[in-house]
PDB file of N, CA and C in Angstrom:
ATOM      1  N   UNK A   1      -2.992 -13.583  -3.752  1.00  0.00           N
ATOM      2  CA  UNK A   1      -2.765 -12.158  -3.857  1.00  0.00           C
ATOM      3  C   UNK A   1      -1.938 -11.677  -2.787  1.00  0.00           C
ATOM      4  N   UNK A   2      -0.840 -10.947  -3.165  1.00  0.00           N
ATOM      5  CA  UNK A   2       0.012 -10.263  -2.112  1.00  0.00           C
ATOM      6  C   UNK A   2      -0.130  -8.760  -2.113  1.00  0.00           C
ATOM      7  N   UNK A   3      -0.440  -8.330  -0.971  1.00  0.00           N
ATOM      8  CA  UNK A   3      -0.534  -6.889  -0.737  1.00  0.00           C
ATOM      9  C   UNK A   3       0.477  -6.291   0.151  1.00  0.00           C
ATOM     10  N   UNK A   4       1.244  -5.213  -0.333  1.00  0.00           N
ATOM     11  CA  UNK A   4       2.207  -4.654   0.477  1.00  0.00           C
ATOM     12  C   UNK A   4       1.894  -3.112   0.565  1.00  0.00           C
ATOM     13  N   UNK A   5       1.867  -2.700   1.748  1.00  0.00           N
ATOM     14  CA  UNK A   5       1.428  -1.246   2.083  1.00  0.00           C
ATOM     15  C   UNK A   5       2.578  -0.574   2.720  1.00  0.00           C
ATOM     16  N   UNK A   6       3.129   0.497   2.126  1.00  0.00           N
ATOM     17  CA  UNK A   6       4.186   1.306   2.651  1.00  0.00           C
ATOM     18  C   UNK A   6       3.535   2.419   3.357  1.00  0.00           C
ATOM     19  N   UNK A   7       3.909   2.642   4.598  1.00  0.00           N
ATOM     20  CA  UNK A   7       3.379   3.610   5.567  1.00  0.00           C
ATOM     21  C   UNK A   7       4.385   4.350   6.368  1.00  0.00           C
ATOM     22  N   UNK A   8       3.944   5.384   7.031  1.00  0.00           N
ATOM     23  CA  UNK A   8       4.761   5.941   8.085  1.00  0.00           C
ATOM     24  C   UNK A   8       3.876   5.902   9.400  1.00  0.00           C
ATOM     25  N   UNK A   9       4.496   6.105  10.595  1.00  0.00           N
ATOM     26  CA  UNK A   9       3.884   5.975  11.806  1.00  0.00           C
ATOM     27  C   UNK A   9       2.886   7.116  12.161  1.00  0.00           C
ATOM     28  N   UNK A  10       3.044   8.331  11.387  1.00  0.00           N
ATOM     29  CA  UNK A  10       2.244   9.371  11.682  1.00  0.00           C
ATOM     30  C   UNK A  10       1.223   9.779  10.669  1.00  0.00           C
ATOM     31  N   UNK A  11       1.012   8.956   9.680  1.00  0.00           N
ATOM     32  CA  UNK A  11       0.169   9.294   8.461  1.00  0.00           C
ATOM     33  C   UNK A  11      -1.282   8.822   8.726  1.00  0.00           C
ATOM     34  N   UNK A  12      -2.142   9.674   8.785  1.00  0.00           N
ATOM     35  CA  UNK A  12      -3.646   9.384   8.928  1.00  0.00           C
ATOM     36  C   UNK A  12      -4.237   8.528   7.835  1.00  0.00           C
ATOM     37  N   UNK A  13      -3.762   8.912   6.552  1.00  0.00           N
ATOM     38  CA  UNK A  13      -4.366   8.130   5.436  1.00  0.00           C
ATOM     39  C   UNK A  13      -3.845   6.696   5.419  1.00  0.00           C
ATOM     40  N   UNK A  14      -2.628   6.490   5.897  1.00  0.00           N
ATOM     41  CA  UNK A  14      -2.179   5.116   6.151  1.00  0.00           C
ATOM     42  C   UNK A  14      -3.089   4.227   7.137  1.00  0.00           C
ATOM     43  N   UNK A  15      -3.337   4.915   8.159  1.00  0.00           N
ATOM     44  CA  UNK A  15      -4.201   4.284   9.191  1.00  0.00           C
ATOM     45  C   UNK A  15      -5.612   3.991   8.523  1.00  0.00           C
ATOM     46  N   UNK A  16      -6.120   4.886   7.680  1.00  0.00           N
ATOM     47  CA  UNK A  16      -7.427   4.716   7.081  1.00  0.00           C
ATOM     48  C   UNK A  16      -7.329   3.425   6.073  1.00  0.00           C
ATOM     49  N   UNK A  17      -6.120   3.419   5.323  1.00  0.00           N
ATOM     50  CA  UNK A  17      -6.036   2.294   4.380  1.00  0.00           C
ATOM     51  C   UNK A  17      -5.983   1.044   5.084  1.00  0.00           C
ATOM     52  N   UNK A  18      -5.215   0.936   6.198  1.00  0.00           N
ATOM     53  CA  UNK A  18      -4.962  -0.379   6.960  1.00  0.00           C
ATOM     54  C   UNK A  18      -6.294  -0.705   7.550  1.00  0.00           C
ATOM     55  N   UNK A  19      -7.168   0.170   7.981  1.00  0.00           N
ATOM     56  CA  UNK A  19      -8.432  -0.150   8.602  1.00  0.00           C
ATOM     57  C   UNK A  19      -9.360  -0.692   7.363  1.00  0.00           C
ATOM     58  N   UNK A  20      -9.289  -0.069   6.168  1.00  0.00           N
ATOM     59  CA  UNK A  20     -10.176  -0.549   5.086  1.00  0.00           C
ATOM     60  C   UNK A  20      -9.716  -1.867   4.706  1.00  0.00           C
ATOM     61  N   UNK A  21      -8.476  -2.325   4.575  1.00  0.00           N
ATOM     62  CA  UNK A  21      -8.073  -3.535   4.124  1.00  0.00           C
ATOM     63  C   UNK A  21      -8.553  -4.562   5.182  1.00  0.00           C
ATOM     64  N   UNK A  22      -8.369  -4.260   6.391  1.00  0.00           N
ATOM     65  CA  UNK A  22      -8.715  -5.191   7.505  1.00  0.00           C
ATOM     66  C   UNK A  22     -10.344  -5.408   7.470  1.00  0.00           C
ATOM     67  N   UNK A  23     -11.146  -4.341   7.305  1.00  0.00           N
ATOM     68  CA  UNK A  23     -12.497  -4.433   7.290  1.00  0.00           C
ATOM     69  C   UNK A  23     -12.918  -5.274   6.020  1.00  0.00           C
ATOM     70  N   UNK A  24     -12.222  -5.267   5.040  1.00  0.00           N
ATOM     71  CA  UNK A  24     -12.609  -6.115   3.801  1.00  0.00           C
ATOM     72  C   UNK A  24     -12.059  -7.485   3.973  1.00  0.00           C
ATOM     73  N   UNK A  25     -11.275  -7.699   4.886  1.00  0.00           N
ATOM     74  CA  UNK A  25     -10.792  -9.089   5.172  1.00  0.00           C
ATOM     75  C   UNK A  25      -9.490  -9.459   4.312  1.00  0.00           C
ATOM     76  N   UNK A  26      -8.718  -8.491   3.908  1.00  0.00           N
ATOM     77  CA  UNK A  26      -7.542  -8.786   3.128  1.00  0.00           C
ATOM     78  C   UNK A  26      -6.310  -8.774   4.097  1.00  0.00           C
ATOM     79  N   UNK A  27      -5.426  -9.816   3.960  1.00  0.00           N
ATOM     80  CA  UNK A  27      -4.186  -9.886   4.564  1.00  0.00           C
ATOM     81  C   UNK A  27      -3.165  -8.998   3.764  1.00  0.00           C
ATOM     82  N   UNK A  28      -2.190  -8.350   4.581  1.00  0.00           N
ATOM     83  CA  UNK A  28      -1.279  -7.569   3.795  1.00  0.00           C
ATOM     84  C   UNK A  28      -0.002  -7.497   4.612  1.00  0.00           C
ATOM     85  N   UNK A  29       1.018  -6.942   4.111  1.00  0.00           N
ATOM     86  CA  UNK A  29       2.317  -6.794   4.777  1.00  0.00           C
ATOM     87  C   UNK A  29       2.415  -5.120   4.844  1.00  0.00           C
ATOM     88  N   UNK A  30       2.590  -4.703   6.117  1.00  0.00           N
ATOM     89  CA  UNK A  30       2.882  -3.265   6.272  1.00  0.00           C
ATOM     90  C   UNK A  30       4.384  -3.143   6.479  1.00  0.00           C
ATOM     91  N   UNK A  31       4.831  -2.101   5.690  1.00  0.00           N
ATOM     92  CA  UNK A  31       6.226  -1.627   5.853  1.00  0.00           C
ATOM     93  C   UNK A  31       6.401  -0.204   6.155  1.00  0.00           C
ATOM     94  N   UNK A  32       6.884   0.103   7.290  1.00  0.00           N
ATOM     95  CA  UNK A  32       6.872   1.569   7.836  1.00  0.00           C
ATOM     96  C   UNK A  32       8.234   2.163   7.410  1.00  0.00           C
ATOM     97  N   UNK A  33       8.140   3.052   6.325  1.00  0.00           N
ATOM     98  CA  UNK A  33       9.421   3.555   5.683  1.00  0.00           C
ATOM     99  C   UNK A  33       9.927   4.561   6.533  1.00  0.00           C
ATOM    100  N   UNK A  34       9.303   5.119   7.580  1.00  0.00           N
ATOM    101  CA  UNK A  34       9.952   6.130   8.420  1.00  0.00           C
ATOM    102  C   UNK A  34      10.903   5.348   9.446  1.00  0.00           C
ATOM    103  N   UNK A  35      10.831   4.145   9.585  1.00  0.00           N
ATOM    104  CA  UNK A  35      11.671   3.418  10.512  1.00  0.00           C
ATOM    105  C   UNK A  35      12.828   2.637   9.939  1.00  0.00           C
ATOM    106  N   UNK A  36      12.998   2.793   8.561  1.00  0.00           N
ATOM    107  CA  UNK A  36      14.056   2.037   7.965  1.00  0.00           C
ATOM    108  C   UNK A  36      14.448   2.649   6.654  1.00  0.00           C
ATOM    109  N   UNK A  37      15.741   3.069   6.436  1.00  0.00           N
ATOM    110  CA  UNK A  37      16.174   3.644   5.158  1.00  0.00           C
ATOM    111  C   UNK A  37      16.066   2.558   4.045  1.00  0.00           C
ATOM    112  N   UNK A  38      16.291   1.230   4.397  1.00  0.00           N
ATOM    113  CA  UNK A  38      16.109   0.266   3.335  1.00  0.00           C
ATOM    114  C   UNK A  38      14.761   0.128   2.911  1.00  0.00           C
ATOM    115  N   UNK A  39      13.690   0.267   3.758  1.00  0.00           N
ATOM    116  CA  UNK A  39      12.280   0.155   3.389  1.00  0.00           C
ATOM    117  C   UNK A  39      12.069   1.362   2.472  1.00  0.00           C
ATOM    118  N   UNK A  40      12.584   2.616   2.833  1.00  0.00           N
ATOM    119  CA  UNK A  40      12.268   3.785   2.086  1.00  0.00           C
ATOM    120  C   UNK A  40      12.859   3.596   0.720  1.00  0.00           C
ATOM    121  N   UNK A  41      13.999   2.998   0.609  1.00  0.00           N
ATOM    122  CA  UNK A  41      14.679   2.804  -0.751  1.00  0.00           C
ATOM    123  C   UNK A  41      13.896   1.724  -1.571  1.00  0.00           C
ATOM    124  N   UNK A  42      13.366   0.708  -0.849  1.00  0.00           N
ATOM    125  CA  UNK A  42      12.591  -0.276  -1.619  1.00  0.00           C
ATOM    126  C   UNK A  42      11.358   0.432  -2.089  1.00  0.00           C
ATOM    127  N   UNK A  43      10.715   1.241  -1.355  1.00  0.00           N
ATOM    128  CA  UNK A  43       9.437   1.867  -1.836  1.00  0.00           C
ATOM    129  C   UNK A  43       9.793   2.794  -3.045  1.00  0.00           C
ATOM    130  N   UNK A  44      10.847   3.625  -2.869  1.00  0.00           N
ATOM    131  CA  UNK A  44      11.322   4.429  -4.022  1.00  0.00           C
ATOM    132  C   UNK A  44      11.507   3.586  -5.416  1.00  0.00           C
ATOM    133  N   UNK A  45      11.998   2.404  -5.247  1.00  0.00           N
ATOM    134  CA  UNK A  45      12.340   1.621  -6.417  1.00  0.00           C
ATOM    135  C   UNK A  45      10.977   1.086  -6.951  1.00  0.00           C
ATOM    136  N   UNK A  46      10.050   0.622  -6.048  1.00  0.00           N
ATOM    137  CA  UNK A  46       8.826   0.168  -6.558  1.00  0.00           C
ATOM    138  C   UNK A  46       7.936   1.333  -7.125  1.00  0.00           C
ATOM    139  N   UNK A  47       8.102   2.443  -6.579  1.00  0.00           N
ATOM    140  CA  UNK A  47       7.197   3.592  -7.030  1.00  0.00           C
ATOM    141  C   UNK A  47       7.653   4.384  -8.150  1.00  0.00           C
ATOM    142  N   UNK A  48       8.992   4.099  -8.608  1.00  0.00           N
ATOM    143  CA  UNK A  48       9.601   4.965  -9.615  1.00  0.00           C
ATOM    144  C   UNK A  48      10.003   6.243  -8.998  1.00  0.00           C
ATOM    145  N   UNK A  49      10.377   6.394  -7.682  1.00  0.00           N
ATOM    146  CA  UNK A  49      10.954   7.523  -6.995  1.00  0.00           C
ATOM    147  C   UNK A  49       9.897   8.261  -6.337  1.00  0.00           C
ATOM    148  N   UNK A  50       8.707   7.866  -6.188  1.00  0.00           N
ATOM    149  CA  UNK A  50       7.615   8.602  -5.369  1.00  0.00           C
ATOM    150  C   UNK A  50       7.744   8.182  -3.981  1.00  0.00           C
ATOM    151  N   UNK A  51       7.814   9.144  -3.027  1.00  0.00           N
ATOM    152  CA  UNK A  51       8.021   8.900  -1.782  1.00  0.00           C
ATOM    153  C   UNK A  51       6.820   9.170  -0.761  1.00  0.00           C
ATOM    154  N   UNK A  52       5.658   9.522  -1.303  1.00  0.00           N
ATOM    155  CA  UNK A  52       4.409   9.770  -0.573  1.00  0.00           C
ATOM    156  C   UNK A  52       3.838   8.425  -0.014  1.00  0.00           C
ATOM    157  N   UNK A  53       3.148   8.612   1.067  1.00  0.00           N
ATOM    158  CA  UNK A  53       2.509   7.461   1.712  1.00  0.00           C
ATOM    159  C   UNK A  53       0.986   7.728   1.899  1.00  0.00           C
ATOM    160  N   UNK A  54       0.221   6.726   1.995  1.00  0.00           N
ATOM    161  CA  UNK A  54       0.467   5.356   1.677  1.00  0.00           C
ATOM    162  C   UNK A  54       0.702   4.980   0.211  1.00  0.00           C
ATOM    163  N   UNK A  55       1.558   4.023   0.040  1.00  0.00           N
ATOM    164  CA  UNK A  55       1.876   3.518  -1.314  1.00  0.00           C
ATOM    165  C   UNK A  55       1.585   2.004  -1.187  1.00  0.00           C
ATOM    166  N   UNK A  56       0.761   1.424  -2.074  1.00  0.00           N
ATOM    167  CA  UNK A  56       0.303   0.137  -1.989  1.00  0.00           C
ATOM    168  C   UNK A  56       0.707  -0.662  -3.325  1.00  0.00           C
ATOM    169  N   UNK A  57       1.207  -1.788  -3.118  1.00  0.00           N
ATOM    170  CA  UNK A  57       1.576  -2.706  -4.330  1.00  0.00           C
ATOM    171  C   UNK A  57       0.730  -3.944  -4.138  1.00  0.00           C
ATOM    172  N   UNK A  58       0.063  -4.227  -5.218  1.00  0.00           N
ATOM    173  CA  UNK A  58      -0.820  -5.441  -5.301  1.00  0.00           C
ATOM    174  C   UNK A  58      -0.399  -6.349  -6.375  1.00  0.00           C
ATOM    175  N   UNK A  59       0.016  -7.471  -5.956  1.00  0.00           N
ATOM    176  CA  UNK A  59       0.472  -8.587  -6.930  1.00  0.00           C
ATOM    177  C   UNK A  59      -0.612  -9.596  -6.977  1.00  0.00           C
ATOM    178  N   UNK A  60      -1.049  -9.949  -8.226  1.00  0.00           N
ATOM    179  CA  UNK A  60      -1.944 -11.082  -8.264  1.00  0.00           C
ATOM    180  C   UNK A  60      -1.700 -11.807  -9.545  1.00  0.00           C
ATOM    181  N   UNK A  61      -1.167 -13.068  -9.529  1.00  0.00           N
ATOM    182  CA  UNK A  61      -0.970 -13.812 -10.756  1.00  0.00           C
ATOM    183  C   UNK A  61      -0.047 -13.298 -11.646  1.00  0.00           C
ATOM    184  N   UNK A  62       1.061 -12.687 -11.152  1.00  0.00           N
ATOM    185  CA  UNK A  62       2.134 -12.141 -11.974  1.00  0.00           C
ATOM    186  C   UNK A  62       1.750 -10.671 -12.514  1.00  0.00           C
ATOM    187  N   UNK A  63       0.650 -10.246 -12.138  1.00  0.00           N
ATOM    188  CA  UNK A  63       0.175  -8.822 -12.485  1.00  0.00           C
ATOM    189  C   UNK A  63       0.408  -7.920 -11.347  1.00  0.00           C
ATOM    190  N   UNK A  64       1.204  -6.921 -11.503  1.00  0.00           N
ATOM    191  CA  UNK A  64       1.584  -5.936 -10.318  1.00  0.00           C
ATOM    192  C   UNK A  64       0.821  -4.596 -10.670  1.00  0.00           C
ATOM    193  N   UNK A  65       0.134  -4.088  -9.559  1.00  0.00           N
ATOM    194  CA  UNK A  65      -0.609  -2.709  -9.693  1.00  0.00           C
ATOM    195  C   UNK A  65      -0.221  -1.943  -8.505  1.00  0.00           C
ATOM    196  N   UNK A  66      -0.140  -0.696  -8.713  1.00  0.00           N
ATOM    197  CA  UNK A  66       0.181   0.170  -7.548  1.00  0.00           C
ATOM    198  C   UNK A  66      -0.842   1.134  -7.273  1.00  0.00           C
ATOM    199  N   UNK A  67      -1.060   1.583  -5.981  1.00  0.00           N
ATOM    200  CA  UNK A  67      -2.008   2.674  -5.739  1.00  0.00           C
ATOM    201  C   UNK A  67      -1.283   3.665  -4.875  1.00  0.00           C
ATOM    202  N   UNK A  68      -1.277   4.964  -5.304  1.00  0.00           N
ATOM    203  CA  UNK A  68      -0.798   6.052  -4.430  1.00  0.00           C
ATOM    204  C   UNK A  68      -1.872   6.670  -3.655  1.00  0.00           C
ATOM    205  N   UNK A  69      -1.578   6.759  -2.482  1.00  0.00           N
ATOM    206  CA  UNK A  69      -2.515   7.450  -1.565  1.00  0.00           C
ATOM    207  C   UNK A  69      -3.592   6.491  -1.208  1.00  0.00           C
ATOM    208  N   UNK A  70      -4.645   6.837  -0.401  1.00  0.00           N
ATOM    209  CA  UNK A  70      -5.777   6.042  -0.113  1.00  0.00           C
ATOM    210  C   UNK A  70      -6.945   6.346  -1.175  1.00  0.00           C
ATOM    211  N   UNK A  71      -6.779   5.608  -2.282  1.00  0.00           N
ATOM    212  CA  UNK A  71      -7.740   5.768  -3.371  1.00  0.00           C
ATOM    213  C   UNK A  71      -8.640   4.623  -3.412  1.00  0.00           C
ATOM    214  N   UNK A  72      -9.685   4.823  -2.558  1.00  0.00           N
ATOM    215  CA  UNK A  72     -10.619   3.895  -2.225  1.00  0.00           C
ATOM    216  C   UNK A  72     -11.367   3.196  -3.598  1.00  0.00           C
ATOM    217  N   UNK A  73     -11.646   4.042  -4.515  1.00  0.00           N
ATOM    218  CA  UNK A  73     -12.243   3.544  -5.828  1.00  0.00           C
ATOM    219  C   UNK A  73     -11.234   2.623  -6.524  1.00  0.00           C
ATOM    220  N   UNK A  74     -10.099   3.130  -6.676  1.00  0.00           N
ATOM    221  CA  UNK A  74      -8.989   2.317  -7.404  1.00  0.00           C
ATOM    222  C   UNK A  74      -8.807   0.930  -6.568  1.00  0.00           C
ATOM    223  N   UNK A  75      -8.791   0.998  -5.338  1.00  0.00           N
ATOM    224  CA  UNK A  75      -8.566  -0.204  -4.481  1.00  0.00           C
ATOM    225  C   UNK A  75      -9.646  -1.197  -4.708  1.00  0.00           C
ATOM    226  N   UNK A  76     -10.882  -0.613  -4.639  1.00  0.00           N
ATOM    227  CA  UNK A  76     -12.163  -1.442  -4.912  1.00  0.00           C
ATOM    228  C   UNK A  76     -12.044  -2.183  -6.202  1.00  0.00           C
ATOM    229  N   UNK A  77     -11.684  -1.427  -7.233  1.00  0.00           N
ATOM    230  CA  UNK A  77     -11.609  -1.997  -8.648  1.00  0.00           C
ATOM    231  C   UNK A  77     -10.532  -3.139  -8.628  1.00  0.00           C
ATOM    232  N   UNK A  78      -9.360  -2.872  -8.157  1.00  0.00           N
ATOM    233  CA  UNK A  78      -8.221  -3.830  -8.237  1.00  0.00           C
ATOM    234  C   UNK A  78      -8.596  -5.109  -7.393  1.00  0.00           C
ATOM    235  N   UNK A  79      -9.165  -4.791  -6.223  1.00  0.00           N
ATOM    236  CA  UNK A  79      -9.390  -5.950  -5.323  1.00  0.00           C
ATOM    237  C   UNK A  79     -10.670  -6.734  -5.576  1.00  0.00           C
ATOM    238  N   UNK A  80     -11.483  -6.049  -6.468  1.00  0.00           N
ATOM    239  CA  UNK A  80     -12.851  -6.751  -6.776  1.00  0.00           C
ATOM    240  C   UNK A  80     -13.854  -6.691  -5.663  1.00  0.00           C
ATOM    241  N   UNK A  81     -13.925  -5.630  -4.925  1.00  0.00           N
ATOM    242  CA  UNK A  81     -14.903  -5.409  -3.932  1.00  0.00           C
ATOM    243  C   UNK A  81     -15.723  -4.193  -4.084  1.00  0.00           C
ATOM    244  N   UNK A  82     -16.834  -4.080  -3.429  1.00  0.00           N
ATOM    245  CA  UNK A  82     -17.616  -2.933  -3.525  1.00  0.00           C
ATOM    246  C   UNK A  82     -17.986  -2.379  -2.174  1.00  0.00           C
TER     247      UNK A  82
END
């Protein structure tokens, strides 16, 4: 499973999401879109033009799912945790 989290340096919901993933024991790659135009463009492509953060991409066995914001219920479902 690959988890990519698009964040900004000042986003409190991004920090909550990162803490949640660490607490649940998931490894992930954080990409700070406020520090790179290239990462901002990458996120826009992944999200269909959405530029809000956090934005999470979860790839598992060829299946890709996305989560806008810190939607704990949706994350729990996708990640199979409670």
